[in-house]
Amino acid sequence: MGKHSHQFVEKYKGEVAFGLSRELDEASFKVFLQKFSDDRLLEAICPRLTQEEIDRTVHLLTGLMRAHLKEEEYHQLFLKELQ
């Protein structure tokens, strides 16, 4: 089995909506990101993105990780090191 998992999207049975509650926003955000990172979707969308769109997305995501993860968490949870 690989190091990465996308189990939440497979098991979540609730609604997906934003703006109704923090709890629903967090669950919907997880579903949204896991659906977006599906291999088939990425194969379709990546060649269509501009370099600027790729750069902006990487900048946004790395900025969020820098702001909200400790260095050890980044290495463990994102890079899958130190396990």
PDB file of N, CA and C in Angstrom:
ATOM      1  N   MET A   1       0.844  -1.188   0.000  1.00  0.00           N
ATOM      2  CA  MET A   1       0.000   0.000   0.000  1.00  0.00           C
ATOM      3  C   MET A   1       0.881   1.239   0.000  1.00  0.00           C
ATOM      4  N   GLY A   2       0.503   2.255  -0.744  1.00  0.00           N
ATOM      5  CA  GLY A   2       1.273   3.485  -0.842  1.00  0.00           C
ATOM      6  C   GLY A   2       1.216   4.313   0.428  1.00  0.00           C
ATOM      7  N   LYS A   3       2.003   5.359   0.437  1.00  0.00           N
ATOM      8  CA  LYS A   3       2.065   6.241   1.598  1.00  0.00           C
ATOM      9  C   LYS A   3       0.887   7.212   1.662  1.00  0.00           C
ATOM     10  N   HIS A   4       0.234   7.452   0.548  1.00  0.00           N
ATOM     11  CA  HIS A   4      -0.838   8.441   0.499  1.00  0.00           C
ATOM     12  C   HIS A   4      -2.202   7.771   0.585  1.00  0.00           C
ATOM     13  N   SER A   5      -3.160   8.489   1.145  1.00  0.00           N
ATOM     14  CA  SER A   5      -4.506   7.935   1.262  1.00  0.00           C
ATOM     15  C   SER A   5      -5.546   9.014   0.967  1.00  0.00           C
ATOM     16  N   HIS A   6      -6.662   8.575   0.476  1.00  0.00           N
ATOM     17  CA  HIS A   6      -7.808   9.453   0.230  1.00  0.00           C
ATOM     18  C   HIS A   6      -9.065   8.735   0.719  1.00  0.00           C
ATOM     19  N   GLN A   7      -9.102   8.411   1.977  1.00  0.00           N
ATOM     20  CA  GLN A   7     -10.206   7.629   2.520  1.00  0.00           C
ATOM     21  C   GLN A   7     -11.423   8.473   2.878  1.00  0.00           C
ATOM     22  N   PHE A   8     -11.206   9.724   3.259  1.00  0.00           N
ATOM     23  CA  PHE A   8     -12.331  10.549   3.714  1.00  0.00           C
ATOM     24  C   PHE A   8     -13.410  10.647   2.642  1.00  0.00           C
ATOM     25  N   VAL A   9     -13.003  10.935   1.420  1.00  0.00           N
ATOM     26  CA  VAL A   9     -13.956  11.101   0.320  1.00  0.00           C
ATOM     27  C   VAL A   9     -14.732   9.813   0.053  1.00  0.00           C
ATOM     28  N   GLU A  10     -14.130   8.684   0.316  1.00  0.00           N
ATOM     29  CA  GLU A  10     -14.789   7.398   0.086  1.00  0.00           C
ATOM     30  C   GLU A  10     -15.799   7.057   1.184  1.00  0.00           C
ATOM     31  N   LYS A  11     -15.557   7.528   2.388  1.00  0.00           N
ATOM     32  CA  LYS A  11     -16.390   7.154   3.532  1.00  0.00           C
ATOM     33  C   LYS A  11     -17.416   8.215   3.920  1.00  0.00           C
ATOM     34  N   TYR A  12     -17.189   9.457   3.549  1.00  0.00           N
ATOM     35  CA  TYR A  12     -18.061  10.563   3.960  1.00  0.00           C
ATOM     36  C   TYR A  12     -19.435  10.433   3.311  1.00  0.00           C
ATOM     37  N   LYS A  13     -20.471  10.499   4.115  1.00  0.00           N
ATOM     38  CA  LYS A  13     -21.844  10.343   3.619  1.00  0.00           C
ATOM     39  C   LYS A  13     -22.661  11.629   3.742  1.00  0.00           C
ATOM     40  N   GLY A  14     -22.069  12.672   4.300  1.00  0.00           N
ATOM     41  CA  GLY A  14     -22.799  13.922   4.496  1.00  0.00           C
ATOM     42  C   GLY A  14     -22.871  14.759   3.230  1.00  0.00           C
ATOM     43  N   GLU A  15     -23.516  15.902   3.368  1.00  0.00           N
ATOM     44  CA  GLU A  15     -23.628  16.798   2.227  1.00  0.00           C
ATOM     45  C   GLU A  15     -22.323  17.558   2.019  1.00  0.00           C
ATOM     46  N   VAL A  16     -22.158  18.071   0.828  1.00  0.00           N
ATOM     47  CA  VAL A  16     -21.006  18.905   0.499  1.00  0.00           C
ATOM     48  C   VAL A  16     -21.549  20.285   0.168  1.00  0.00           C
ATOM     49  N   ALA A  17     -21.231  21.243   1.038  1.00  0.00           N
ATOM     50  CA  ALA A  17     -21.698  22.616   0.865  1.00  0.00           C
ATOM     51  C   ALA A  17     -20.783  23.528   1.665  1.00  0.00           C
ATOM     52  N   PHE A  18     -20.743  24.769   1.275  1.00  0.00           N
ATOM     53  CA  PHE A  18     -19.901  25.736   1.973  1.00  0.00           C
ATOM     54  C   PHE A  18     -20.757  26.893   2.477  1.00  0.00           C
ATOM     55  N   GLY A  19     -20.362  27.433   3.632  1.00  0.00           N
ATOM     56  CA  GLY A  19     -21.009  28.614   4.168  1.00  0.00           C
ATOM     57  C   GLY A  19     -22.121  28.362   5.170  1.00  0.00           C
ATOM     58  N   LEU A  20     -22.396  27.111   5.486  1.00  0.00           N
ATOM     59  CA  LEU A  20     -23.472  26.815   6.438  1.00  0.00           C
ATOM     60  C   LEU A  20     -22.960  26.639   7.861  1.00  0.00           C
ATOM     61  N   SER A  21     -21.799  26.013   8.016  1.00  0.00           N
ATOM     62  CA  SER A  21     -21.181  25.849   9.334  1.00  0.00           C
ATOM     63  C   SER A  21     -19.704  25.520   9.135  1.00  0.00           C
ATOM     64  N   ARG A  22     -18.923  25.787  10.141  1.00  0.00           N
ATOM     65  CA  ARG A  22     -17.495  25.477  10.067  1.00  0.00           C
ATOM     66  C   ARG A  22     -17.288  23.973   9.898  1.00  0.00           C
ATOM     67  N   GLU A  23     -18.051  23.171  10.643  1.00  0.00           N
ATOM     68  CA  GLU A  23     -17.910  21.712  10.570  1.00  0.00           C
ATOM     69  C   GLU A  23     -18.189  21.204   9.151  1.00  0.00           C
ATOM     70  N   LEU A  24     -19.267  21.691   8.544  1.00  0.00           N
ATOM     71  CA  LEU A  24     -19.601  21.275   7.181  1.00  0.00           C
ATOM     72  C   LEU A  24     -18.577  21.814   6.182  1.00  0.00           C
ATOM     73  N   ASP A  25     -18.096  23.043   6.405  1.00  0.00           N
ATOM     74  CA  ASP A  25     -17.057  23.605   5.529  1.00  0.00           C
ATOM     75  C   ASP A  25     -15.805  22.732   5.537  1.00  0.00           C
ATOM     76  N   GLU A  26     -15.373  22.298   6.723  1.00  0.00           N
ATOM     77  CA  GLU A  26     -14.163  21.469   6.820  1.00  0.00           C
ATOM     78  C   GLU A  26     -14.360  20.126   6.125  1.00  0.00           C
ATOM     79  N   ALA A  27     -15.499  19.483   6.345  1.00  0.00           N
ATOM     80  CA  ALA A  27     -15.770  18.199   5.693  1.00  0.00           C
ATOM     81  C   ALA A  27     -15.845  18.380   4.178  1.00  0.00           C
ATOM     82  N   SER A  28     -16.523  19.418   3.732  1.00  0.00           N
ATOM     83  CA  SER A  28     -16.656  19.684   2.296  1.00  0.00           C
ATOM     84  C   SER A  28     -15.311  20.004   1.667  1.00  0.00           C
ATOM     85  N   PHE A  29     -14.475  20.727   2.390  1.00  0.00           N
ATOM     86  CA  PHE A  29     -13.139  21.075   1.906  1.00  0.00           C
ATOM     87  C   PHE A  29     -12.301  19.815   1.698  1.00  0.00           C
ATOM     88  N   LYS A  30     -12.384  18.881   2.643  1.00  0.00           N
ATOM     89  CA  LYS A  30     -11.663  17.607   2.504  1.00  0.00           C
ATOM     90  C   LYS A  30     -12.141  16.850   1.271  1.00  0.00           C
ATOM     91  N   VAL A  31     -13.454  16.750   1.103  1.00  0.00           N
ATOM     92  CA  VAL A  31     -14.011  16.059  -0.066  1.00  0.00           C
ATOM     93  C   VAL A  31     -13.556  16.750  -1.342  1.00  0.00           C
ATOM     94  N   PHE A  32     -13.657  18.067  -1.383  1.00  0.00           N
ATOM     95  CA  PHE A  32     -13.288  18.851  -2.560  1.00  0.00           C
ATOM     96  C   PHE A  32     -11.833  18.617  -2.946  1.00  0.00           C
ATOM     97  N   LEU A  33     -10.923  18.712  -1.965  1.00  0.00           N
ATOM     98  CA  LEU A  33      -9.496  18.529  -2.263  1.00  0.00           C
ATOM     99  C   LEU A  33      -9.178  17.102  -2.681  1.00  0.00           C
ATOM    100  N   GLN A  34      -9.801  16.122  -2.028  1.00  0.00           N
ATOM    101  CA  GLN A  34      -9.527  14.738  -2.401  1.00  0.00           C
ATOM    102  C   GLN A  34     -10.083  14.420  -3.783  1.00  0.00           C
ATOM    103  N   LYS A  35     -11.235  14.969  -4.135  1.00  0.00           N
ATOM    104  CA  LYS A  35     -11.763  14.782  -5.486  1.00  0.00           C
ATOM    105  C   LYS A  35     -10.854  15.475  -6.506  1.00  0.00           C
ATOM    106  N   PHE A  36     -10.383  16.676  -6.169  1.00  0.00           N
ATOM    107  CA  PHE A  36      -9.522  17.421  -7.089  1.00  0.00           C
ATOM    108  C   PHE A  36      -8.214  16.681  -7.343  1.00  0.00           C
ATOM    109  N   SER A  37      -7.704  15.981  -6.334  1.00  0.00           N
ATOM    110  CA  SER A  37      -6.412  15.305  -6.485  1.00  0.00           C
ATOM    111  C   SER A  37      -6.530  13.903  -7.083  1.00  0.00           C
ATOM    112  N   ASP A  38      -7.703  13.547  -7.569  1.00  0.00           N
ATOM    113  CA  ASP A  38      -7.884  12.262  -8.244  1.00  0.00           C
ATOM    114  C   ASP A  38      -6.964  12.190  -9.470  1.00  0.00           C
ATOM    115  N   ASP A  39      -6.300  11.069  -9.637  1.00  0.00           N
ATOM    116  CA  ASP A  39      -5.336  10.916 -10.737  1.00  0.00           C
ATOM    117  C   ASP A  39      -5.933  11.237 -12.099  1.00  0.00           C
ATOM    118  N   ARG A  40      -7.119  10.747 -12.379  1.00  0.00           N
ATOM    119  CA  ARG A  40      -7.721  10.959 -13.707  1.00  0.00           C
ATOM    120  C   ARG A  40      -8.055  12.427 -13.939  1.00  0.00           C
ATOM    121  N   LEU A  41      -8.559  13.102 -12.898  1.00  0.00           N
ATOM    122  CA  LEU A  41      -8.856  14.525 -13.042  1.00  0.00           C
ATOM    123  C   LEU A  41      -7.580  15.320 -13.282  1.00  0.00           C
ATOM    124  N   LEU A  42      -6.534  15.010 -12.518  1.00  0.00           N
ATOM    125  CA  LEU A  42      -5.270  15.730 -12.684  1.00  0.00           C
ATOM    126  C   LEU A  42      -4.656  15.493 -14.052  1.00  0.00           C
ATOM    127  N   GLU A  43      -4.776  14.278 -14.568  1.00  0.00           N
ATOM    128  CA  GLU A  43      -4.272  13.993 -15.919  1.00  0.00           C
ATOM    129  C   GLU A  43      -4.986  14.858 -16.954  1.00  0.00           C
ATOM    130  N   ALA A  44      -6.273  15.113 -16.734  1.00  0.00           N
ATOM    131  CA  ALA A  44      -7.044  15.925 -17.673  1.00  0.00           C
ATOM    132  C   ALA A  44      -6.750  17.412 -17.530  1.00  0.00           C
ATOM    133  N   ILE A  45      -6.636  17.894 -16.288  1.00  0.00           N
ATOM    134  CA  ILE A  45      -6.543  19.340 -16.083  1.00  0.00           C
ATOM    135  C   ILE A  45      -5.120  19.899 -16.166  1.00  0.00           C
ATOM    136  N   CYS A  46      -4.127  19.143 -15.726  1.00  0.00           N
ATOM    137  CA  CYS A  46      -2.758  19.679 -15.678  1.00  0.00           C
ATOM    138  C   CYS A  46      -2.257  20.218 -17.016  1.00  0.00           C
ATOM    139  N   PRO A  47      -2.427  19.510 -18.114  1.00  0.00           N
ATOM    140  CA  PRO A  47      -1.933  20.044 -19.384  1.00  0.00           C
ATOM    141  C   PRO A  47      -2.651  21.325 -19.825  1.00  0.00           C
ATOM    142  N   ARG A  48      -3.809  21.595 -19.264  1.00  0.00           N
ATOM    143  CA  ARG A  48      -4.598  22.772 -19.650  1.00  0.00           C
ATOM    144  C   ARG A  48      -4.289  23.999 -18.803  1.00  0.00           C
ATOM    145  N   LEU A  49      -3.606  23.805 -17.686  1.00  0.00           N
ATOM    146  CA  LEU A  49      -3.271  24.923 -16.806  1.00  0.00           C
ATOM    147  C   LEU A  49      -2.134  25.745 -17.391  1.00  0.00           C
ATOM    148  N   THR A  50      -2.215  27.051 -17.180  1.00  0.00           N
ATOM    149  CA  THR A  50      -1.088  27.901 -17.560  1.00  0.00           C
ATOM    150  C   THR A  50      -0.002  27.763 -16.502  1.00  0.00           C
ATOM    151  N   GLN A  51       1.193  28.171 -16.840  1.00  0.00           N
ATOM    152  CA  GLN A  51       2.275  28.143 -15.856  1.00  0.00           C
ATOM    153  C   GLN A  51       1.933  29.038 -14.673  1.00  0.00           C
ATOM    154  N   GLU A  52       1.288  30.166 -14.937  1.00  0.00           N
ATOM    155  CA  GLU A  52       0.893  31.073 -13.859  1.00  0.00           C
ATOM    156  C   GLU A  52      -0.110  30.404 -12.917  1.00  0.00           C
ATOM    157  N   GLU A  53      -1.050  29.648 -13.454  1.00  0.00           N
ATOM    158  CA  GLU A  53      -2.023  28.946 -12.613  1.00  0.00           C
ATOM    159  C   GLU A  53      -1.346  27.887 -11.751  1.00  0.00           C
ATOM    160  N   ILE A  54      -0.405  27.175 -12.320  1.00  0.00           N
ATOM    161  CA  ILE A  54       0.355  26.185 -11.543  1.00  0.00           C
ATOM    162  C   ILE A  54       1.130  26.886 -10.438  1.00  0.00           C
ATOM    163  N   ASP A  55       1.841  27.954 -10.781  1.00  0.00           N
ATOM    164  CA  ASP A  55       2.642  28.689  -9.800  1.00  0.00           C
ATOM    165  C   ASP A  55       1.772  29.246  -8.671  1.00  0.00           C
ATOM    166  N   ARG A  56       0.621  29.832  -9.006  1.00  0.00           N
ATOM    167  CA  ARG A  56      -0.277  30.398  -7.985  1.00  0.00           C
ATOM    168  C   ARG A  56      -0.808  29.316  -7.055  1.00  0.00           C
ATOM    169  N   THR A  57      -1.160  28.168  -7.616  1.00  0.00           N
ATOM    170  CA  THR A  57      -1.700  27.078  -6.805  1.00  0.00           C
ATOM    171  C   THR A  57      -0.641  26.528  -5.856  1.00  0.00           C
ATOM    172  N   VAL A  58       0.557  26.308  -6.374  1.00  0.00           N
ATOM    173  CA  VAL A  58       1.657  25.824  -5.530  1.00  0.00           C
ATOM    174  C   VAL A  58       1.967  26.845  -4.442  1.00  0.00           C
ATOM    175  N   HIS A  59       1.986  28.122  -4.794  1.00  0.00           N
ATOM    176  CA  HIS A  59       2.271  29.181  -3.817  1.00  0.00           C
ATOM    177  C   HIS A  59       1.196  29.207  -2.721  1.00  0.00           C
ATOM    178  N   LEU A  60      -0.065  29.090  -3.108  1.00  0.00           N
ATOM    179  CA  LEU A  60      -1.151  29.082  -2.130  1.00  0.00           C
ATOM    180  C   LEU A  60      -1.026  27.897  -1.178  1.00  0.00           C
ATOM    181  N   LEU A  61      -0.841  26.700  -1.731  1.00  0.00           N
ATOM    182  CA  LEU A  61      -0.791  25.497  -0.895  1.00  0.00           C
ATOM    183  C   LEU A  61       0.446  25.459  -0.003  1.00  0.00           C
ATOM    184  N   THR A  62       1.599  25.836  -0.535  1.00  0.00           N
ATOM    185  CA  THR A  62       2.797  25.852   0.314  1.00  0.00           C
ATOM    186  C   THR A  62       2.680  26.935   1.381  1.00  0.00           C
ATOM    187  N   GLY A  63       2.054  28.050   1.052  1.00  0.00           N
ATOM    188  CA  GLY A  63       1.832  29.102   2.048  1.00  0.00           C
ATOM    189  C   GLY A  63       0.938  28.632   3.182  1.00  0.00           C
ATOM    190  N   LEU A  64      -0.111  27.900   2.851  1.00  0.00           N
ATOM    191  CA  LEU A  64      -0.996  27.356   3.888  1.00  0.00           C
ATOM    192  C   LEU A  64      -0.258  26.370   4.781  1.00  0.00           C
ATOM    193  N   MET A  65       0.558  25.521   4.181  1.00  0.00           N
ATOM    194  CA  MET A  65       1.315  24.562   4.996  1.00  0.00           C
ATOM    195  C   MET A  65       2.322  25.279   5.885  1.00  0.00           C
ATOM    196  N   ARG A  66       3.008  26.287   5.349  1.00  0.00           N
ATOM    197  CA  ARG A  66       3.967  27.047   6.163  1.00  0.00           C
ATOM    198  C   ARG A  66       3.277  27.732   7.339  1.00  0.00           C
ATOM    199  N   ALA A  67       2.080  28.252   7.095  1.00  0.00           N
ATOM    200  CA  ALA A  67       1.361  28.998   8.125  1.00  0.00           C
ATOM    201  C   ALA A  67       0.757  28.100   9.205  1.00  0.00           C
ATOM    202  N   HIS A  68       0.415  26.868   8.853  1.00  0.00           N
ATOM    203  CA  HIS A  68      -0.379  26.057   9.774  1.00  0.00           C
ATOM    204  C   HIS A  68       0.247  24.741  10.217  1.00  0.00           C
ATOM    205  N   LEU A  69       1.386  24.385   9.659  1.00  0.00           N
ATOM    206  CA  LEU A  69       2.064  23.158  10.074  1.00  0.00           C
ATOM    207  C   LEU A  69       3.421  23.482  10.675  1.00  0.00           C
ATOM    208  N   LYS A  70       3.752  22.760  11.722  1.00  0.00           N
ATOM    209  CA  LYS A  70       5.116  22.830  12.242  1.00  0.00           C
ATOM    210  C   LYS A  70       6.014  22.108  11.250  1.00  0.00           C
ATOM    211  N   GLU A  71       7.308  22.399  11.293  1.00  0.00           N
ATOM    212  CA  GLU A  71       8.234  21.780  10.348  1.00  0.00           C
ATOM    213  C   GLU A  71       8.174  20.254  10.417  1.00  0.00           C
ATOM    214  N   GLU A  72       8.097  19.711  11.620  1.00  0.00           N
ATOM    215  CA  GLU A  72       8.023  18.253  11.780  1.00  0.00           C
ATOM    216  C   GLU A  72       6.742  17.696  11.153  1.00  0.00           C
ATOM    217  N   GLU A  73       5.629  18.410  11.330  1.00  0.00           N
ATOM    218  CA  GLU A  73       4.368  17.973  10.723  1.00  0.00           C
ATOM    219  C   GLU A  73       4.461  17.992   9.199  1.00  0.00           C
ATOM    220  N   TYR A  74       5.088  19.028   8.656  1.00  0.00           N
ATOM    221  CA  TYR A  74       5.273  19.127   7.203  1.00  0.00           C
ATOM    222  C   TYR A  74       6.046  17.920   6.681  1.00  0.00           C
ATOM    223  N   HIS A  75       7.140  17.581   7.361  1.00  0.00           N
ATOM    224  CA  HIS A  75       7.960  16.446   6.924  1.00  0.00           C
ATOM    225  C   HIS A  75       7.216  15.121   7.089  1.00  0.00           C
ATOM    226  N   GLN A  76       6.471  14.997   8.158  1.00  0.00           N
ATOM    227  CA  GLN A  76       5.751  13.747   8.411  1.00  0.00           C
ATOM    228  C   GLN A  76       4.493  13.626   7.550  1.00  0.00           C
ATOM    229  N   LEU A  77       3.678  14.672   7.512  1.00  0.00           N
ATOM    230  CA  LEU A  77       2.372  14.577   6.863  1.00  0.00           C
ATOM    231  C   LEU A  77       2.407  14.834   5.363  1.00  0.00           C
ATOM    232  N   PHE A  78       3.247  15.759   4.915  1.00  0.00           N
ATOM    233  CA  PHE A  78       3.291  16.077   3.487  1.00  0.00           C
ATOM    234  C   PHE A  78       4.390  15.311   2.764  1.00  0.00           C
ATOM    235  N   LEU A  79       5.598  15.381   3.283  1.00  0.00           N
ATOM    236  CA  LEU A  79       6.716  14.697   2.628  1.00  0.00           C
ATOM    237  C   LEU A  79       6.754  13.205   2.936  1.00  0.00           C
ATOM    238  N   LYS A  80       6.017  12.788   3.957  1.00  0.00           N
ATOM    239  CA  LYS A  80       5.965  11.378   4.376  1.00  0.00           C
ATOM    240  C   LYS A  80       7.334  10.875   4.838  1.00  0.00           C
ATOM    241  N   GLU A  81       8.066  11.755   5.497  1.00  0.00           N
ATOM    242  CA  GLU A  81       9.371  11.402   6.069  1.00  0.00           C
ATOM    243  C   GLU A  81       9.200  11.172   7.571  1.00  0.00           C
ATOM    244  N   LEU A  82      10.270  10.783   8.216  1.00  0.00           N
ATOM    245  CA  LEU A  82      10.317  10.637   9.674  1.00  0.00           C
ATOM    246  C   LEU A  82       9.267   9.671  10.207  1.00  0.00           C
ATOM    247  N   GLN A  83       8.969   8.634   9.460  1.00  0.00           N
ATOM    248  CA  GLN A  83       7.958   7.687   9.937  1.00  0.00           C
ATOM    249  C   GLN A  83       8.598   6.391  10.339  1.00  0.00           C
TER     250      GLN A  83
END
